[in-house]
Amino acid sequence: MVRPLGGLDEEIVGILPSIEPVESATFPFPSREDVGDFASGRLLREAARLSTRAAAGPFRSFARIAVEPRPYQLVPLMMALRLDPVRLLIADDVGIGKTIEAGLIARELLDRGEIHRMAVLCPPQLAEQWQKELLEKFHIETELVLSSTIQRLERDLPIGVSVFDRHRFVVVSTDFIKSDRRAADFELKCPEFVIVDEAHGCTVAGGVGRGRQQRFDLVRKISAKESRHVVLVTATPTAGMNMPSGPPGSFG
């Protein structure tokens, strides 16, 4: 039985020696011809040092992120790891780095093997920004599910197969998915981890319009599943906000 260094239990595989021979491997010492330049050597050393340090720390994801979190950005991550399921409201000011805070939680849960699929619900004008941030900073390649992309995504799908079955990681326009027909499909196939950006737009505080009510109902139904991880993100003060919730005490 073998497992990759730093890998998860689910990556353990069995090898039958009679079919796949297992042999010890040795590598010759480097020669003068193999010596590179100083900058490349230092870069290799730093990469190995940082990878080892991150793998041995309390967070499994730090070897796979392309951002250096500030100390305060680790607070939501540490809070999330104490919750099962994760139910968290991140309500920092504009420019604090809420995308990084939510992305750290997603990357850590993925690397721990606690989740396998995720979705980001956000206004359509923020979808490409989320896609770019998740790819460049957290190496999470997402598919955009918008009114302008849905025909391409649904083309050639077998009967009974949803876009959310085919793509593990999606960034979804809240305005597009809130309609009754689309919302029902998303609720049925919803991933086990959901980030809701601009969460104040999914509340019924300050009056109820049809669009706001649809967004509220969608998030409320998603949160109703007790095992689902949900992170709400907003830069709007939350005093008096009537947030969708699941069981009592389900949001921190």
C-alpha atoms as a PDB file:
ATOM      1  CA  MET A   1       0.000   0.000   0.000  1.00  0.00           C
ATOM      2  CA  VAL A   2       1.480   3.354  -1.006  1.00  0.00           C
ATOM      3  CA  ARG A   3       0.510   6.982  -0.551  1.00  0.00           C
ATOM      4  CA  PRO A   4       2.074  10.146  -2.033  1.00  0.00           C
ATOM      5  CA  LEU A   5       4.166  12.196   0.365  1.00  0.00           C
ATOM      6  CA  GLY A   6       1.824  14.792   1.792  1.00  0.00           C
ATOM      7  CA  GLY A   7      -1.147  13.047   0.190  1.00  0.00           C
ATOM      8  CA  LEU A   8      -4.557  12.216   1.624  1.00  0.00           C
ATOM      9  CA  ASP A   9      -5.833   8.842   2.828  1.00  0.00           C
ATOM     10  CA  GLU A  10      -8.099   8.642  -0.209  1.00  0.00           C
ATOM     11  CA  GLU A  11      -4.984   8.693  -2.439  1.00  0.00           C
ATOM     12  CA  ILE A  12      -3.695   5.419  -0.970  1.00  0.00           C
ATOM     13  CA  VAL A  13      -3.441   2.701  -3.636  1.00  0.00           C
ATOM     14  CA  GLY A  14      -2.492  -0.951  -3.604  1.00  0.00           C
ATOM     15  CA  ILE A  15       0.223  -2.396  -5.835  1.00  0.00           C
ATOM     16  CA  LEU A  16       0.382  -6.064  -6.790  1.00  0.00           C
ATOM     17  CA  PRO A  17       4.156  -6.807  -7.191  1.00  0.00           C
ATOM     18  CA  SER A  18       3.538  -9.722  -9.545  1.00  0.00           C
ATOM     19  CA  ILE A  19       2.004  -7.309 -12.048  1.00  0.00           C
ATOM     20  CA  GLU A  20       3.755  -4.026 -11.200  1.00  0.00           C
ATOM     21  CA  PRO A  21       7.304  -4.635  -9.924  1.00  0.00           C
ATOM     22  CA  VAL A  22       8.406  -2.405  -7.069  1.00  0.00           C
ATOM     23  CA  GLU A  23      12.116  -1.582  -7.019  1.00  0.00           C
ATOM     24  CA  SER A  24      14.298   0.793  -5.053  1.00  0.00           C
ATOM     25  CA  ALA A  25      15.469   3.809  -7.009  1.00  0.00           C
ATOM     26  CA  THR A  26      18.784   5.602  -6.696  1.00  0.00           C
ATOM     27  CA  PHE A  27      19.945   8.800  -8.290  1.00  0.00           C
ATOM     28  CA  PRO A  28      23.558   9.674  -9.157  1.00  0.00           C
ATOM     29  CA  PHE A  29      25.206  12.638  -7.473  1.00  0.00           C
ATOM     30  CA  PRO A  30      25.180  15.829  -9.558  1.00  0.00           C
ATOM     31  CA  SER A  31      28.211  16.564 -11.664  1.00  0.00           C
ATOM     32  CA  ARG A  32      29.794  19.837 -12.651  1.00  0.00           C
ATOM     33  CA  GLU A  33      27.782  19.798 -15.847  1.00  0.00           C
ATOM     34  CA  ASP A  34      24.548  19.729 -13.841  1.00  0.00           C
ATOM     35  CA  VAL A  35      25.267  22.886 -11.861  1.00  0.00           C
ATOM     36  CA  GLY A  36      22.901  25.724 -12.745  1.00  0.00           C
ATOM     37  CA  ASP A  37      23.054  29.421 -11.936  1.00  0.00           C
ATOM     38  CA  PHE A  38      22.855  30.818  -8.428  1.00  0.00           C
ATOM     39  CA  ALA A  39      19.351  32.289  -8.816  1.00  0.00           C
ATOM     40  CA  SER A  40      17.861  28.965  -9.967  1.00  0.00           C
ATOM     41  CA  GLY A  41      19.565  27.076  -7.147  1.00  0.00           C
ATOM     42  CA  ARG A  42      18.292  29.472  -4.513  1.00  0.00           C
ATOM     43  CA  LEU A  43      14.780  29.361  -5.986  1.00  0.00           C
ATOM     44  CA  LEU A  44      14.798  25.544  -5.822  1.00  0.00           C
ATOM     45  CA  ARG A  45      16.052  25.580  -2.232  1.00  0.00           C
ATOM     46  CA  GLU A  46      13.406  28.099  -1.139  1.00  0.00           C
ATOM     47  CA  ALA A  47      10.643  26.133  -2.867  1.00  0.00           C
ATOM     48  CA  ALA A  48      11.691  22.921  -1.113  1.00  0.00           C
ATOM     49  CA  ARG A  49      12.012  24.675   2.256  1.00  0.00           C
ATOM     50  CA  LEU A  50       8.649  26.417   2.044  1.00  0.00           C
ATOM     51  CA  SER A  51       6.892  23.268   0.805  1.00  0.00           C
ATOM     52  CA  THR A  52       8.294  21.225   3.697  1.00  0.00           C
ATOM     53  CA  ARG A  53       7.479  23.884   6.245  1.00  0.00           C
ATOM     54  CA  ALA A  54       3.915  24.286   4.998  1.00  0.00           C
ATOM     55  CA  ALA A  55       3.276  20.545   4.837  1.00  0.00           C
ATOM     56  CA  ALA A  56       4.385  20.114   8.446  1.00  0.00           C
ATOM     57  CA  GLY A  57       2.273  22.970   9.800  1.00  0.00           C
ATOM     58  CA  PRO A  58      -1.311  23.019  11.037  1.00  0.00           C
ATOM     59  CA  PHE A  59      -2.652  24.023   7.601  1.00  0.00           C
ATOM     60  CA  ARG A  60      -2.333  21.584   4.728  1.00  0.00           C
ATOM     61  CA  SER A  61      -3.134  24.144   2.052  1.00  0.00           C
ATOM     62  CA  PHE A  62      -0.250  26.572   2.505  1.00  0.00           C
ATOM     63  CA  ALA A  63       2.019  24.709   0.091  1.00  0.00           C
ATOM     64  CA  ARG A  64      -0.582  25.132  -2.665  1.00  0.00           C
ATOM     65  CA  ILE A  65      -1.515  28.797  -2.430  1.00  0.00           C
ATOM     66  CA  ALA A  66       0.087  31.711  -4.293  1.00  0.00           C
ATOM     67  CA  VAL A  67      -0.579  34.358  -1.669  1.00  0.00           C
ATOM     68  CA  GLU A  68       0.943  35.153   1.711  1.00  0.00           C
ATOM     69  CA  PRO A  69      -2.015  35.725   4.070  1.00  0.00           C
ATOM     70  CA  ARG A  70      -1.819  38.497   6.593  1.00  0.00           C
ATOM     71  CA  PRO A  71      -2.267  37.407  10.214  1.00  0.00           C
ATOM     72  CA  TYR A  72      -5.815  38.763  10.505  1.00  0.00           C
ATOM     73  CA  GLN A  73      -6.826  36.880   7.332  1.00  0.00           C
ATOM     74  CA  LEU A  74      -6.120  33.609   9.129  1.00  0.00           C
ATOM     75  CA  VAL A  75      -8.739  34.312  11.795  1.00  0.00           C
ATOM     76  CA  PRO A  76     -11.757  33.182   9.694  1.00  0.00           C
ATOM     77  CA  LEU A  77      -9.826  30.053   8.681  1.00  0.00           C
ATOM     78  CA  MET A  78      -9.051  29.157  12.284  1.00  0.00           C
ATOM     79  CA  MET A  79     -12.671  29.811  13.267  1.00  0.00           C
ATOM     80  CA  ALA A  80     -13.927  27.690  10.360  1.00  0.00           C
ATOM     81  CA  LEU A  81     -11.765  24.705  11.305  1.00  0.00           C
ATOM     82  CA  ARG A  82     -13.443  24.626  14.710  1.00  0.00           C
ATOM     83  CA  LEU A  83     -16.913  24.350  13.159  1.00  0.00           C
ATOM     84  CA  ASP A  84     -18.599  21.238  11.788  1.00  0.00           C
ATOM     85  CA  PRO A  85     -20.161  22.080   9.461  1.00  0.00           C
ATOM     86  CA  VAL A  86     -18.588  25.434   8.648  1.00  0.00           C
ATOM     87  CA  ARG A  87     -21.206  28.164   9.014  1.00  0.00           C
ATOM     88  CA  LEU A  88     -19.467  31.530   8.975  1.00  0.00           C
ATOM     89  CA  LEU A  89     -20.340  35.157   8.210  1.00  0.00           C
ATOM     90  CA  ILE A  90     -17.333  37.219   7.066  1.00  0.00           C
ATOM     91  CA  ALA A  91     -18.274  40.902   7.303  1.00  0.00           C
ATOM     92  CA  ASP A  92     -14.974  42.780   7.003  1.00  0.00           C
ATOM     93  CA  ASP A  93     -14.580  46.259   5.501  1.00  0.00           C
ATOM     94  CA  VAL A  94     -13.945  46.846   1.814  1.00  0.00           C
ATOM     95  CA  GLY A  95     -10.348  46.089   0.830  1.00  0.00           C
ATOM     96  CA  ILE A  96      -9.586  43.844   3.805  1.00  0.00           C
ATOM     97  CA  GLY A  97      -9.383  40.727   1.635  1.00  0.00           C
ATOM     98  CA  LYS A  98     -12.618  38.812   2.129  1.00  0.00           C
ATOM     99  CA  THR A  99     -12.007  36.860  -1.089  1.00  0.00           C
ATOM    100  CA  ILE A 100      -8.684  35.628   0.297  1.00  0.00           C
ATOM    101  CA  GLU A 101     -10.277  34.746   3.638  1.00  0.00           C
ATOM    102  CA  ALA A 102     -13.032  32.713   1.963  1.00  0.00           C
ATOM    103  CA  GLY A 103     -10.571  31.165  -0.508  1.00  0.00           C
ATOM    104  CA  LEU A 104      -8.300  30.009   2.308  1.00  0.00           C
ATOM    105  CA  ILE A 105     -11.198  28.137   3.879  1.00  0.00           C
ATOM    106  CA  ALA A 106     -12.111  26.499   0.565  1.00  0.00           C
ATOM    107  CA  ARG A 107      -8.516  25.471  -0.233  1.00  0.00           C
ATOM    108  CA  GLU A 108      -7.947  24.062   3.252  1.00  0.00           C
ATOM    109  CA  LEU A 109     -11.135  21.981   3.218  1.00  0.00           C
ATOM    110  CA  LEU A 110     -10.251  20.657  -0.236  1.00  0.00           C
ATOM    111  CA  ASP A 111      -6.740  19.656   0.805  1.00  0.00           C
ATOM    112  CA  ARG A 112      -8.054  17.977   3.946  1.00  0.00           C
ATOM    113  CA  GLY A 113     -10.445  15.936   1.808  1.00  0.00           C
ATOM    114  CA  GLU A 114     -13.491  17.278   3.650  1.00  0.00           C
ATOM    115  CA  ILE A 115     -15.079  18.644   0.474  1.00  0.00           C
ATOM    116  CA  HIS A 116     -14.837  17.663  -3.185  1.00  0.00           C
ATOM    117  CA  ARG A 117     -17.051  20.270  -4.846  1.00  0.00           C
ATOM    118  CA  MET A 118     -17.727  23.949  -4.260  1.00  0.00           C
ATOM    119  CA  ALA A 119     -19.768  26.839  -5.626  1.00  0.00           C
ATOM    120  CA  VAL A 120     -19.466  30.602  -5.327  1.00  0.00           C
ATOM    121  CA  LEU A 121     -22.701  32.581  -5.580  1.00  0.00           C
ATOM    122  CA  CYS A 122     -22.049  36.203  -6.495  1.00  0.00           C
ATOM    123  CA  PRO A 123     -23.409  39.102  -8.581  1.00  0.00           C
ATOM    124  CA  PRO A 124     -22.658  38.553 -12.286  1.00  0.00           C
ATOM    125  CA  GLN A 125     -20.265  41.509 -12.471  1.00  0.00           C
ATOM    126  CA  LEU A 126     -18.031  39.852  -9.856  1.00  0.00           C
ATOM    127  CA  ALA A 127     -17.993  36.352 -11.382  1.00  0.00           C
ATOM    128  CA  GLU A 128     -14.866  36.754 -13.522  1.00  0.00           C
ATOM    129  CA  GLN A 129     -13.016  38.364 -10.607  1.00  0.00           C
ATOM    130  CA  TRP A 130     -13.825  35.380  -8.388  1.00  0.00           C
ATOM    131  CA  GLN A 131     -12.748  32.975 -11.129  1.00  0.00           C
ATOM    132  CA  LYS A 132      -9.430  34.790 -11.559  1.00  0.00           C
ATOM    133  CA  GLU A 133      -8.713  35.043  -7.819  1.00  0.00           C
ATOM    134  CA  LEU A 134      -9.452  31.374  -7.161  1.00  0.00           C
ATOM    135  CA  LEU A 135      -7.254  30.259 -10.064  1.00  0.00           C
ATOM    136  CA  GLU A 136      -4.277  32.559  -9.524  1.00  0.00           C
ATOM    137  CA  LYS A 137      -4.142  32.516  -5.723  1.00  0.00           C
ATOM    138  CA  PHE A 138      -5.566  29.099  -4.798  1.00  0.00           C
ATOM    139  CA  HIS A 139      -5.139  26.960  -7.938  1.00  0.00           C
ATOM    140  CA  ILE A 140      -8.875  26.219  -8.053  1.00  0.00           C
ATOM    141  CA  GLU A 141     -10.058  26.154 -11.670  1.00  0.00           C
ATOM    142  CA  THR A 142     -13.728  27.110 -11.811  1.00  0.00           C
ATOM    143  CA  GLU A 143     -16.377  27.244 -14.524  1.00  0.00           C
ATOM    144  CA  LEU A 144     -18.563  30.352 -14.877  1.00  0.00           C
ATOM    145  CA  VAL A 145     -22.300  29.634 -14.787  1.00  0.00           C
ATOM    146  CA  LEU A 146     -23.943  32.775 -16.160  1.00  0.00           C
ATOM    147  CA  SER A 147     -26.808  33.617 -18.484  1.00  0.00           C
ATOM    148  CA  SER A 148     -24.190  34.126 -21.209  1.00  0.00           C
ATOM    149  CA  THR A 149     -22.457  30.760 -20.692  1.00  0.00           C
ATOM    150  CA  ILE A 150     -25.268  28.366 -19.783  1.00  0.00           C
ATOM    151  CA  GLN A 151     -26.115  27.358 -23.377  1.00  0.00           C
ATOM    152  CA  ARG A 152     -22.518  26.345 -24.030  1.00  0.00           C
ATOM    153  CA  LEU A 153     -22.293  24.468 -20.728  1.00  0.00           C
ATOM    154  CA  GLU A 154     -25.552  22.588 -21.268  1.00  0.00           C
ATOM    155  CA  ARG A 155     -24.753  21.640 -24.858  1.00  0.00           C
ATOM    156  CA  ASP A 156     -24.319  17.872 -25.264  1.00  0.00           C
ATOM    157  CA  LEU A 157     -25.207  17.140 -21.632  1.00  0.00           C
ATOM    158  CA  PRO A 158     -26.842  13.709 -21.246  1.00  0.00           C
ATOM    159  CA  ILE A 159     -30.443  13.625 -20.052  1.00  0.00           C
ATOM    160  CA  GLY A 160     -30.610  13.932 -16.291  1.00  0.00           C
ATOM    161  CA  VAL A 161     -27.088  15.331 -15.975  1.00  0.00           C
ATOM    162  CA  SER A 162     -26.744  18.860 -14.642  1.00  0.00           C
ATOM    163  CA  VAL A 163     -24.012  21.422 -15.199  1.00  0.00           C
ATOM    164  CA  PHE A 164     -23.290  21.042 -11.491  1.00  0.00           C
ATOM    165  CA  ASP A 165     -22.738  17.294 -11.962  1.00  0.00           C
ATOM    166  CA  ARG A 166     -20.130  17.851 -14.661  1.00  0.00           C
ATOM    167  CA  HIS A 167     -18.137  20.688 -13.068  1.00  0.00           C
ATOM    168  CA  ARG A 168     -16.742  20.321  -9.531  1.00  0.00           C
ATOM    169  CA  PHE A 169     -15.966  24.002  -9.033  1.00  0.00           C
ATOM    170  CA  VAL A 170     -18.333  26.705 -10.282  1.00  0.00           C
ATOM    171  CA  VAL A 171     -18.844  30.448  -9.938  1.00  0.00           C
ATOM    172  CA  VAL A 172     -22.558  31.112 -10.315  1.00  0.00           C
ATOM    173  CA  SER A 173     -24.435  34.349 -10.929  1.00  0.00           C
ATOM    174  CA  THR A 174     -26.924  34.758  -8.099  1.00  0.00           C
ATOM    175  CA  ASP A 175     -29.240  36.747 -10.358  1.00  0.00           C
ATOM    176  CA  PHE A 176     -29.221  33.960 -12.947  1.00  0.00           C
ATOM    177  CA  ILE A 177     -29.662  31.009 -10.605  1.00  0.00           C
ATOM    178  CA  LYS A 178     -32.377  32.575  -8.422  1.00  0.00           C
ATOM    179  CA  SER A 179     -35.226  31.872 -10.888  1.00  0.00           C
ATOM    180  CA  ASP A 180     -37.518  29.056  -9.800  1.00  0.00           C
ATOM    181  CA  ARG A 181     -36.469  26.626 -12.564  1.00  0.00           C
ATOM    182  CA  ARG A 182     -32.758  27.210 -12.190  1.00  0.00           C
ATOM    183  CA  ALA A 183     -32.873  27.362  -8.403  1.00  0.00           C
ATOM    184  CA  ALA A 184     -34.527  23.948  -8.171  1.00  0.00           C
ATOM    185  CA  ASP A 185     -31.719  22.348 -10.194  1.00  0.00           C
ATOM    186  CA  PHE A 186     -29.046  24.069  -8.113  1.00  0.00           C
ATOM    187  CA  GLU A 187     -30.672  23.068  -4.830  1.00  0.00           C
ATOM    188  CA  LEU A 188     -30.782  19.436  -5.969  1.00  0.00           C
ATOM    189  CA  LYS A 189     -27.163  19.332  -7.190  1.00  0.00           C
ATOM    190  CA  CYS A 190     -25.701  21.906  -4.815  1.00  0.00           C
ATOM    191  CA  PRO A 191     -22.066  21.207  -3.761  1.00  0.00           C
ATOM    192  CA  GLU A 192     -21.159  20.528  -0.139  1.00  0.00           C
ATOM    193  CA  PHE A 193     -19.374  23.904   0.175  1.00  0.00           C
ATOM    194  CA  VAL A 194     -20.929  27.229  -0.873  1.00  0.00           C
ATOM    195  CA  ILE A 195     -19.579  30.768  -0.663  1.00  0.00           C
ATOM    196  CA  VAL A 196     -22.219  33.513  -0.915  1.00  0.00           C
ATOM    197  CA  ASP A 197     -20.682  36.861  -1.865  1.00  0.00           C
ATOM    198  CA  GLU A 198     -22.539  40.142  -1.321  1.00  0.00           C
ATOM    199  CA  ALA A 199     -24.694  38.249   1.167  1.00  0.00           C
ATOM    200  CA  HIS A 200     -26.527  41.411   2.210  1.00  0.00           C
ATOM    201  CA  GLY A 201     -28.327  41.191  -1.148  1.00  0.00           C
ATOM    202  CA  CYS A 202     -29.854  37.892   0.004  1.00  0.00           C
ATOM    203  CA  THR A 203     -31.612  39.370   3.034  1.00  0.00           C
ATOM    204  CA  VAL A 204     -35.145  40.687   3.423  1.00  0.00           C
ATOM    205  CA  ALA A 205     -34.147  43.607   5.639  1.00  0.00           C
ATOM    206  CA  GLY A 206     -35.212  47.013   4.371  1.00  0.00           C
ATOM    207  CA  GLY A 207     -38.060  45.834   2.168  1.00  0.00           C
ATOM    208  CA  VAL A 208     -38.792  42.812   0.008  1.00  0.00           C
ATOM    209  CA  GLY A 209     -38.661  42.838  -3.775  1.00  0.00           C
ATOM    210  CA  ARG A 210     -39.191  39.775  -5.936  1.00  0.00           C
ATOM    211  CA  GLY A 211     -35.499  39.413  -6.784  1.00  0.00           C
ATOM    212  CA  ARG A 212     -34.380  39.870  -3.186  1.00  0.00           C
ATOM    213  CA  GLN A 213     -36.978  37.367  -1.978  1.00  0.00           C
ATOM    214  CA  GLN A 214     -35.811  34.803  -4.553  1.00  0.00           C
ATOM    215  CA  ARG A 215     -32.193  35.196  -3.446  1.00  0.00           C
ATOM    216  CA  PHE A 216     -33.232  34.905   0.202  1.00  0.00           C
ATOM    217  CA  ASP A 217     -35.240  31.732  -0.472  1.00  0.00           C
ATOM    218  CA  LEU A 218     -32.342  30.189  -2.439  1.00  0.00           C
ATOM    219  CA  VAL A 219     -29.779  30.734   0.320  1.00  0.00           C
ATOM    220  CA  ARG A 220     -32.260  29.650   2.980  1.00  0.00           C
ATOM    221  CA  LYS A 221     -32.905  26.345   1.195  1.00  0.00           C
ATOM    222  CA  ILE A 222     -29.176  25.758   0.636  1.00  0.00           C
ATOM    223  CA  SER A 223     -28.507  26.380   4.324  1.00  0.00           C
ATOM    224  CA  ALA A 224     -31.296  24.032   5.385  1.00  0.00           C
ATOM    225  CA  LYS A 225     -29.076  20.997   4.766  1.00  0.00           C
ATOM    226  CA  GLU A 226     -27.271  20.639   8.078  1.00  0.00           C
ATOM    227  CA  SER A 227     -24.118  19.014   6.673  1.00  0.00           C
ATOM    228  CA  ARG A 228     -23.465  21.701   4.031  1.00  0.00           C
ATOM    229  CA  HIS A 229     -20.647  24.198   4.627  1.00  0.00           C
ATOM    230  CA  VAL A 230     -21.781  27.795   3.965  1.00  0.00           C
ATOM    231  CA  VAL A 231     -19.666  30.950   4.134  1.00  0.00           C
ATOM    232  CA  LEU A 232     -21.464  34.285   3.778  1.00  0.00           C
ATOM    233  CA  VAL A 233     -19.346  37.251   2.667  1.00  0.00           C
ATOM    234  CA  THR A 234     -20.365  40.917   2.883  1.00  0.00           C
ATOM    235  CA  ALA A 235     -18.814  44.342   3.390  1.00  0.00           C
ATOM    236  CA  THR A 236     -22.131  45.817   4.545  1.00  0.00           C
ATOM    237  CA  PRO A 237     -22.739  46.302   8.293  1.00  0.00           C
ATOM    238  CA  THR A 238     -24.848  43.391   9.476  1.00  0.00           C
ATOM    239  CA  ALA A 239     -26.737  45.006  12.356  1.00  0.00           C
ATOM    240  CA  GLY A 240     -30.416  44.135  12.006  1.00  0.00           C
ATOM    241  CA  MET A 241     -29.882  41.959   8.954  1.00  0.00           C
ATOM    242  CA  ASN A 242     -32.246  39.002   8.690  1.00  0.00           C
ATOM    243  CA  MET A 243     -29.856  36.382   7.344  1.00  0.00           C
ATOM    244  CA  PRO A 244     -31.021  33.023   5.945  1.00  0.00           C
ATOM    245  CA  SER A 245     -30.097  30.319   8.387  1.00  0.00           C
ATOM    246  CA  GLY A 246     -30.294  26.615   9.017  1.00  0.00           C
ATOM    247  CA  PRO A 247     -30.524  25.043  12.461  1.00  0.00           C
ATOM    248  CA  PRO A 248     -30.167  27.291  15.549  1.00  0.00           C
ATOM    249  CA  GLY A 249     -26.599  28.450  16.034  1.00  0.00           C
ATOM    250  CA  SER A 250     -25.652  27.428  12.508  1.00  0.00           C
ATOM    251  CA  PHE A 251     -23.820  30.645  11.720  1.00  0.00           C
ATOM    252  CA  GLY A 252     -20.851  32.101  13.602  1.00  0.00           C
END
